[in-house]
PDB file of N, CA and C in Angstrom:
ATOM      1  N   MET A   1      16.291  -6.591  -9.829  1.00  0.00           N
ATOM      2  CA  MET A   1      15.056  -6.439  -9.074  1.00  0.00           C
ATOM      3  C   MET A   1      15.168  -5.188  -8.206  1.00  0.00           C
ATOM      4  N   PHE A   2      14.142  -4.371  -8.248  1.00  0.00           N
ATOM      5  CA  PHE A   2      14.065  -3.148  -7.451  1.00  0.00           C
ATOM      6  C   PHE A   2      13.017  -3.337  -6.366  1.00  0.00           C
ATOM      7  N   LYS A   3      13.226  -2.661  -5.238  1.00  0.00           N
ATOM      8  CA  LYS A   3      12.341  -2.847  -4.094  1.00  0.00           C
ATOM      9  C   LYS A   3      12.109  -1.518  -3.377  1.00  0.00           C
ATOM     10  N   VAL A   4      10.847  -1.290  -2.982  1.00  0.00           N
ATOM     11  CA  VAL A   4      10.481  -0.127  -2.172  1.00  0.00           C
ATOM     12  C   VAL A   4       9.699  -0.651  -0.973  1.00  0.00           C
ATOM     13  N   LYS A   5       9.974  -0.073   0.188  1.00  0.00           N
ATOM     14  CA  LYS A   5       9.280  -0.462   1.410  1.00  0.00           C
ATOM     15  C   LYS A   5       8.624   0.782   2.004  1.00  0.00           C
ATOM     16  N   LEU A   6       7.295   0.818   1.961  1.00  0.00           N
ATOM     17  CA  LEU A   6       6.541   1.921   2.531  1.00  0.00           C
ATOM     18  C   LEU A   6       6.229   1.582   3.981  1.00  0.00           C
ATOM     19  N   THR A   7       6.539   2.477   4.890  1.00  0.00           N
ATOM     20  CA  THR A   7       6.310   2.250   6.307  1.00  0.00           C
ATOM     21  C   THR A   7       5.202   3.175   6.803  1.00  0.00           C
ATOM     22  N   LEU A   8       4.178   2.581   7.413  1.00  0.00           N
ATOM     23  CA  LEU A   8       3.044   3.333   7.935  1.00  0.00           C
ATOM     24  C   LEU A   8       2.856   2.994   9.407  1.00  0.00           C
ATOM     25  N   GLU A   9       2.496   3.991  10.204  1.00  0.00           N
ATOM     26  CA  GLU A   9       2.238   3.759  11.629  1.00  0.00           C
ATOM     27  C   GLU A   9       0.987   2.904  11.781  1.00  0.00           C
ATOM     28  N   LYS A  10       1.129   1.812  12.504  1.00  0.00           N
ATOM     29  CA  LYS A  10       0.035   0.859  12.646  1.00  0.00           C
ATOM     30  C   LYS A  10      -1.187   1.473  13.328  1.00  0.00           C
ATOM     31  N   ASN A  11      -0.971   2.236  14.391  1.00  0.00           N
ATOM     32  CA  ASN A  11      -2.111   2.801  15.121  1.00  0.00           C
ATOM     33  C   ASN A  11      -2.859   3.857  14.310  1.00  0.00           C
ATOM     34  N   LYS A  12      -2.227   4.443  13.335  1.00  0.00           N
ATOM     35  CA  LYS A  12      -2.851   5.489  12.538  1.00  0.00           C
ATOM     36  C   LYS A  12      -3.463   4.953  11.236  1.00  0.00           C
ATOM     37  N   TYR A  13      -2.831   3.958  10.622  1.00  0.00           N
ATOM     38  CA  TYR A  13      -3.239   3.512   9.285  1.00  0.00           C
ATOM     39  C   TYR A  13      -3.782   2.091   9.221  1.00  0.00           C
ATOM     40  N   ASN A  14      -3.955   1.425  10.341  1.00  0.00           N
ATOM     41  CA  ASN A  14      -4.396   0.038  10.335  1.00  0.00           C
ATOM     42  C   ASN A  14      -5.750  -0.146   9.644  1.00  0.00           C
ATOM     43  N   ASP A  15      -6.712   0.724   9.938  1.00  0.00           N
ATOM     44  CA  ASP A  15      -8.037   0.616   9.311  1.00  0.00           C
ATOM     45  C   ASP A  15      -7.969   0.851   7.807  1.00  0.00           C
ATOM     46  N   TYR A  16      -7.107   1.752   7.374  1.00  0.00           N
ATOM     47  CA  TYR A  16      -6.955   2.015   5.939  1.00  0.00           C
ATOM     48  C   TYR A  16      -6.439   0.773   5.226  1.00  0.00           C
ATOM     49  N   ILE A  17      -5.423   0.163   5.805  1.00  0.00           N
ATOM     50  CA  ILE A  17      -4.816  -1.013   5.178  1.00  0.00           C
ATOM     51  C   ILE A  17      -5.795  -2.180   5.157  1.00  0.00           C
ATOM     52  N   LYS A  18      -6.530  -2.377   6.230  1.00  0.00           N
ATOM     53  CA  LYS A  18      -7.515  -3.463   6.273  1.00  0.00           C
ATOM     54  C   LYS A  18      -8.546  -3.321   5.160  1.00  0.00           C
ATOM     55  N   SER A  19      -8.943  -2.101   4.881  1.00  0.00           N
ATOM     56  CA  SER A  19      -9.983  -1.886   3.880  1.00  0.00           C
ATOM     57  C   SER A  19      -9.492  -2.123   2.450  1.00  0.00           C
ATOM     58  N   ILE A  20      -8.201  -1.988   2.214  1.00  0.00           N
ATOM     59  CA  ILE A  20      -7.686  -2.171   0.851  1.00  0.00           C
ATOM     60  C   ILE A  20      -6.748  -3.364   0.711  1.00  0.00           C
ATOM     61  N   GLU A  21      -6.574  -4.133   1.771  1.00  0.00           N
ATOM     62  CA  GLU A  21      -5.633  -5.253   1.748  1.00  0.00           C
ATOM     63  C   GLU A  21      -5.881  -6.238   0.601  1.00  0.00           C
ATOM     64  N   PRO A  22      -7.123  -6.652   0.341  1.00  0.00           N
ATOM     65  CA  PRO A  22      -7.327  -7.582  -0.773  1.00  0.00           C
ATOM     66  C   PRO A  22      -6.881  -7.013  -2.125  1.00  0.00           C
ATOM     67  N   GLU A  23      -7.057  -5.717  -2.278  1.00  0.00           N
ATOM     68  CA  GLU A  23      -6.665  -5.083  -3.540  1.00  0.00           C
ATOM     69  C   GLU A  23      -5.155  -4.909  -3.645  1.00  0.00           C
ATOM     70  N   ILE A  24      -4.495  -4.634  -2.530  1.00  0.00           N
ATOM     71  CA  ILE A  24      -3.053  -4.401  -2.545  1.00  0.00           C
ATOM     72  C   ILE A  24      -2.276  -5.698  -2.737  1.00  0.00           C
ATOM     73  N   GLU A  25      -2.707  -6.772  -2.069  1.00  0.00           N
ATOM     74  CA  GLU A  25      -1.939  -8.010  -2.124  1.00  0.00           C
ATOM     75  C   GLU A  25      -2.232  -8.784  -3.404  1.00  0.00           C
ATOM     76  N   GLU A  26      -1.939  -8.186  -4.500  1.00  0.00           N
ATOM     77  CA  GLU A  26      -2.043  -8.848  -5.791  1.00  0.00           C
ATOM     78  C   GLU A  26      -0.941  -8.299  -6.673  1.00  0.00           C
ATOM     79  N   THR A  27      -0.850  -8.830  -7.856  1.00  0.00           N
ATOM     80  CA  THR A  27       0.193  -8.382  -8.763  1.00  0.00           C
ATOM     81  C   THR A  27      -0.237  -7.102  -9.458  1.00  0.00           C
ATOM     82  N   PHE A  28       0.637  -6.121  -9.458  1.00  0.00           N
ATOM     83  CA  PHE A  28       0.418  -4.868 -10.168  1.00  0.00           C
ATOM     84  C   PHE A  28       1.289  -4.914 -11.414  1.00  0.00           C
ATOM     85  N   GLY A  29       0.735  -5.346 -12.533  1.00  0.00           N
ATOM     86  CA  GLY A  29       1.536  -5.454 -13.745  1.00  0.00           C
ATOM     87  C   GLY A  29       2.673  -6.429 -13.530  1.00  0.00           C
ATOM     88  N   ARG A  30       3.901  -5.942 -13.628  1.00  0.00           N
ATOM     89  CA  ARG A  30       5.071  -6.795 -13.436  1.00  0.00           C
ATOM     90  C   ARG A  30       5.585  -6.760 -12.005  1.00  0.00           C
ATOM     91  N   SER A  31       4.905  -6.060 -11.125  1.00  0.00           N
ATOM     92  CA  SER A  31       5.350  -5.905  -9.736  1.00  0.00           C
ATOM     93  C   SER A  31       4.610  -6.857  -8.805  1.00  0.00           C
ATOM     94  N   LYS A  32       5.253  -7.187  -7.703  1.00  0.00           N
ATOM     95  CA  LYS A  32       4.645  -7.987  -6.635  1.00  0.00           C
ATOM     96  C   LYS A  32       4.542  -7.103  -5.398  1.00  0.00           C
ATOM     97  N   VAL A  33       3.431  -7.196  -4.687  1.00  0.00           N
ATOM     98  CA  VAL A  33       3.199  -6.365  -3.512  1.00  0.00           C
ATOM     99  C   VAL A  33       2.886  -7.260  -2.321  1.00  0.00           C
ATOM    100  N   TYR A  34       3.533  -6.984  -1.202  1.00  0.00           N
ATOM    101  CA  TYR A  34       3.337  -7.734   0.028  1.00  0.00           C
ATOM    102  C   TYR A  34       3.058  -6.767   1.167  1.00  0.00           C
ATOM    103  N   ILE A  35       2.312  -7.242   2.166  1.00  0.00           N
ATOM    104  CA  ILE A  35       2.079  -6.455   3.374  1.00  0.00           C
ATOM    105  C   ILE A  35       2.641  -7.244   4.543  1.00  0.00           C
ATOM    106  N   GLU A  36       3.456  -6.574   5.345  1.00  0.00           N
ATOM    107  CA  GLU A  36       3.998  -7.154   6.570  1.00  0.00           C
ATOM    108  C   GLU A  36       3.751  -6.157   7.694  1.00  0.00           C
ATOM    109  N   ASN A  37       3.812  -6.634   8.926  1.00  0.00           N
ATOM    110  CA  ASN A  37       3.652  -5.707  10.046  1.00  0.00           C
ATOM    111  C   ASN A  37       4.402  -6.215  11.264  1.00  0.00           C
ATOM    112  N   ASP A  38       4.634  -5.303  12.173  1.00  0.00           N
ATOM    113  CA  ASP A  38       5.186  -5.626  13.485  1.00  0.00           C
ATOM    114  C   ASP A  38       4.324  -4.907  14.517  1.00  0.00           C
ATOM    115  N   SER A  39       4.795  -4.769  15.716  1.00  0.00           N
ATOM    116  CA  SER A  39       3.965  -4.180  16.765  1.00  0.00           C
ATOM    117  C   SER A  39       3.670  -2.691  16.555  1.00  0.00           C
ATOM    118  N   LYS A  40       4.521  -1.979  15.821  1.00  0.00           N
ATOM    119  CA  LYS A  40       4.342  -0.530  15.657  1.00  0.00           C
ATOM    120  C   LYS A  40       4.011  -0.086  14.235  1.00  0.00           C
ATOM    121  N   ASN A  41       4.437  -0.852  13.233  1.00  0.00           N
ATOM    122  CA  ASN A  41       4.324  -0.386  11.853  1.00  0.00           C
ATOM    123  C   ASN A  41       3.720  -1.433  10.928  1.00  0.00           C
ATOM    124  N   ILE A  42       3.201  -0.928   9.821  1.00  0.00           N
ATOM    125  CA  ILE A  42       2.753  -1.753   8.707  1.00  0.00           C
ATOM    126  C   ILE A  42       3.685  -1.427   7.546  1.00  0.00           C
ATOM    127  N   TYR A  43       4.133  -2.464   6.856  1.00  0.00           N
ATOM    128  CA  TYR A  43       5.054  -2.276   5.739  1.00  0.00           C
ATOM    129  C   TYR A  43       4.402  -2.770   4.456  1.00  0.00           C
ATOM    130  N   ILE A  44       4.388  -1.927   3.451  1.00  0.00           N
ATOM    131  CA  ILE A  44       3.953  -2.326   2.119  1.00  0.00           C
ATOM    132  C   ILE A  44       5.232  -2.458   1.301  1.00  0.00           C
ATOM    133  N   ILE A  45       5.515  -3.662   0.850  1.00  0.00           N
ATOM    134  CA  ILE A  45       6.755  -3.943   0.129  1.00  0.00           C
ATOM    135  C   ILE A  45       6.420  -4.203  -1.333  1.00  0.00           C
ATOM    136  N   ILE A  46       7.081  -3.453  -2.190  1.00  0.00           N
ATOM    137  CA  ILE A  46       6.847  -3.562  -3.628  1.00  0.00           C
ATOM    138  C   ILE A  46       8.147  -3.997  -4.282  1.00  0.00           C
ATOM    139  N   LYS A  47       8.084  -5.084  -5.057  1.00  0.00           N
ATOM    140  CA  LYS A  47       9.249  -5.563  -5.789  1.00  0.00           C
ATOM    141  C   LYS A  47       8.912  -5.554  -7.276  1.00  0.00           C
ATOM    142  N   ALA A  48       9.827  -5.007  -8.064  1.00  0.00           N
ATOM    143  CA  ALA A  48       9.584  -4.882  -9.497  1.00  0.00           C
ATOM    144  C   ALA A  48      10.880  -5.137 -10.272  1.00  0.00           C
ATOM    145  N   PRO A  49      10.754  -5.624 -11.491  1.00  0.00           N
ATOM    146  CA  PRO A  49      11.946  -5.915 -12.280  1.00  0.00           C
ATOM    147  C   PRO A  49      12.630  -4.684 -12.862  1.00  0.00           C
ATOM    148  N   ASP A  50      11.899  -3.570 -12.939  1.00  0.00           N
ATOM    149  CA  ASP A  50      12.490  -2.352 -13.498  1.00  0.00           C
ATOM    150  C   ASP A  50      11.870  -1.123 -12.832  1.00  0.00           C
ATOM    151  N   THR A  51      12.510   0.010 -13.039  1.00  0.00           N
ATOM    152  CA  THR A  51      12.071   1.237 -12.367  1.00  0.00           C
ATOM    153  C   THR A  51      10.716   1.740 -12.870  1.00  0.00           C
ATOM    154  N   SER A  52      10.409   1.487 -14.121  1.00  0.00           N
ATOM    155  CA  SER A  52       9.116   1.945 -14.658  1.00  0.00           C
ATOM    156  C   SER A  52       7.954   1.233 -13.985  1.00  0.00           C
ATOM    157  N   SER A  53       8.044  -0.076 -13.866  1.00  0.00           N
ATOM    158  CA  SER A  53       6.955  -0.811 -13.213  1.00  0.00           C
ATOM    159  C   SER A  53       6.915  -0.524 -11.717  1.00  0.00           C
ATOM    160  N   LEU A  54       8.065  -0.269 -11.108  1.00  0.00           N
ATOM    161  CA  LEU A  54       8.105   0.097  -9.695  1.00  0.00           C
ATOM    162  C   LEU A  54       7.399   1.432  -9.468  1.00  0.00           C
ATOM    163  N   ARG A  55       7.708   2.413 -10.288  1.00  0.00           N
ATOM    164  CA  ARG A  55       7.076   3.727 -10.182  1.00  0.00           C
ATOM    165  C   ARG A  55       5.563   3.626 -10.385  1.00  0.00           C
ATOM    166  N   ALA A  56       5.137   2.845 -11.357  1.00  0.00           N
ATOM    167  CA  ALA A  56       3.705   2.689 -11.620  1.00  0.00           C
ATOM    168  C   ALA A  56       2.995   2.048 -10.432  1.00  0.00           C
ATOM    169  N   SER A  57       3.607   1.051  -9.834  1.00  0.00           N
ATOM    170  CA  SER A  57       2.997   0.378  -8.682  1.00  0.00           C
ATOM    171  C   SER A  57       2.937   1.286  -7.462  1.00  0.00           C
ATOM    172  N   VAL A  58       4.005   2.016  -7.210  1.00  0.00           N
ATOM    173  CA  VAL A  58       4.009   2.959  -6.078  1.00  0.00           C
ATOM    174  C   VAL A  58       2.922   4.014  -6.291  1.00  0.00           C
ATOM    175  N   SER A  59       2.794   4.507  -7.492  1.00  0.00           N
ATOM    176  CA  SER A  59       1.754   5.507  -7.788  1.00  0.00           C
ATOM    177  C   SER A  59       0.358   4.944  -7.576  1.00  0.00           C
ATOM    178  N   SER A  60       0.128   3.727  -8.034  1.00  0.00           N
ATOM    179  CA  SER A  60      -1.186   3.101  -7.880  1.00  0.00           C
ATOM    180  C   SER A  60      -1.542   2.905  -6.411  1.00  0.00           C
ATOM    181  N   ILE A  61      -0.595   2.400  -5.638  1.00  0.00           N
ATOM    182  CA  ILE A  61      -0.863   2.135  -4.228  1.00  0.00           C
ATOM    183  C   ILE A  61      -1.077   3.436  -3.457  1.00  0.00           C
ATOM    184  N   THR A  62      -0.261   4.430  -3.696  1.00  0.00           N
ATOM    185  CA  THR A  62      -0.446   5.694  -2.985  1.00  0.00           C
ATOM    186  C   THR A  62      -1.759   6.371  -3.385  1.00  0.00           C
ATOM    187  N   ARG A  63      -2.173   6.209  -4.634  1.00  0.00           N
ATOM    188  CA  ARG A  63      -3.450   6.771  -5.076  1.00  0.00           C
ATOM    189  C   ARG A  63      -4.612   6.085  -4.353  1.00  0.00           C
ATOM    190  N   VAL A  64      -4.570   4.758  -4.249  1.00  0.00           N
ATOM    191  CA  VAL A  64      -5.613   4.015  -3.541  1.00  0.00           C
ATOM    192  C   VAL A  64      -5.652   4.418  -2.069  1.00  0.00           C
ATOM    193  N   LEU A  65      -4.486   4.530  -1.439  1.00  0.00           N
ATOM    194  CA  LEU A  65      -4.436   4.953  -0.040  1.00  0.00           C
ATOM    195  C   LEU A  65      -5.006   6.358   0.143  1.00  0.00           C
ATOM    196  N   SER A  66      -4.723   7.234  -0.792  1.00  0.00           N
ATOM    197  CA  SER A  66      -5.232   8.598  -0.718  1.00  0.00           C
ATOM    198  C   SER A  66      -6.763   8.623  -0.801  1.00  0.00           C
ATOM    199  N   VAL A  67      -7.328   7.838  -1.699  1.00  0.00           N
ATOM    200  CA  VAL A  67      -8.784   7.781  -1.846  1.00  0.00           C
ATOM    201  C   VAL A  67      -9.427   7.220  -0.585  1.00  0.00           C
ATOM    202  N   VAL A  68      -8.865   6.136  -0.054  1.00  0.00           N
ATOM    203  CA  VAL A  68      -9.414   5.532   1.166  1.00  0.00           C
ATOM    204  C   VAL A  68      -9.339   6.515   2.322  1.00  0.00           C
ATOM    205  N   LYS A  69      -8.250   7.227   2.442  1.00  0.00           N
ATOM    206  CA  LYS A  69      -8.091   8.209   3.518  1.00  0.00           C
ATOM    207  C   LYS A  69      -9.170   9.287   3.423  1.00  0.00           C
ATOM    208  N   LYS A  70      -9.416   9.787   2.216  1.00  0.00           N
ATOM    209  CA  LYS A  70     -10.444  10.814   2.030  1.00  0.00           C
ATOM    210  C   LYS A  70     -11.827  10.290   2.364  1.00  0.00           C
ATOM    211  N   ILE A  71     -12.112   9.056   1.971  1.00  0.00           N
ATOM    212  CA  ILE A  71     -13.421   8.456   2.262  1.00  0.00           C
ATOM    213  C   ILE A  71     -13.603   8.284   3.766  1.00  0.00           C
ATOM    214  N   MET A  72     -12.579   7.799   4.440  1.00  0.00           N
ATOM    215  CA  MET A  72     -12.693   7.557   5.884  1.00  0.00           C
ATOM    216  C   MET A  72     -12.747   8.872   6.683  1.00  0.00           C
ATOM    217  N   GLU A  73     -12.169   9.927   6.154  1.00  0.00           N
ATOM    218  CA  GLU A  73     -12.218  11.214   6.837  1.00  0.00           C
ATOM    219  C   GLU A  73     -13.601  11.848   6.778  1.00  0.00           C
ATOM    220  N   VAL A  74     -14.379  11.514   5.752  1.00  0.00           N
ATOM    221  CA  VAL A  74     -15.728  12.046   5.643  1.00  0.00           C
ATOM    222  C   VAL A  74     -16.569  11.577   6.826  1.00  0.00           C
ATOM    223  N   ASN A  75     -16.395  10.309   7.202  1.00  0.00           N
ATOM    224  CA  ASN A  75     -16.987   9.757   8.421  1.00  0.00           C
ATOM    225  C   ASN A  75     -18.499   9.978   8.483  1.00  0.00           C
ATOM    226  N   VAL A  76     -19.175   9.607   7.408  1.00  0.00           N
ATOM    227  CA  VAL A  76     -20.625   9.751   7.381  1.00  0.00           C
ATOM    228  C   VAL A  76     -21.334   8.442   7.717  1.00  0.00           C
ATOM    229  N   TRP A  77     -20.616   7.427   8.027  1.00  0.00           N
ATOM    230  CA  TRP A  77     -21.221   6.125   8.316  1.00  0.00           C
ATOM    231  C   TRP A  77     -21.843   6.186   9.635  1.00  0.00           C
TER     232      TRP A  77
END
């Protein structure tokens, strides 16, 4: 089992994570994704049985975060 833990500053990325949380907390192919947090950080934890599925899940999550960041930066609401 392989594991990656992405650490994001809570005060900076909390709104981003809230907007995509339902999509992130599901199974990505053979990988499992969890979100945890403490007072300062948000952690996205990805566990996968092999490096290929781990890489695919990390790519998918970072792509989703990138899109959400761009949308929120437009700030046309």
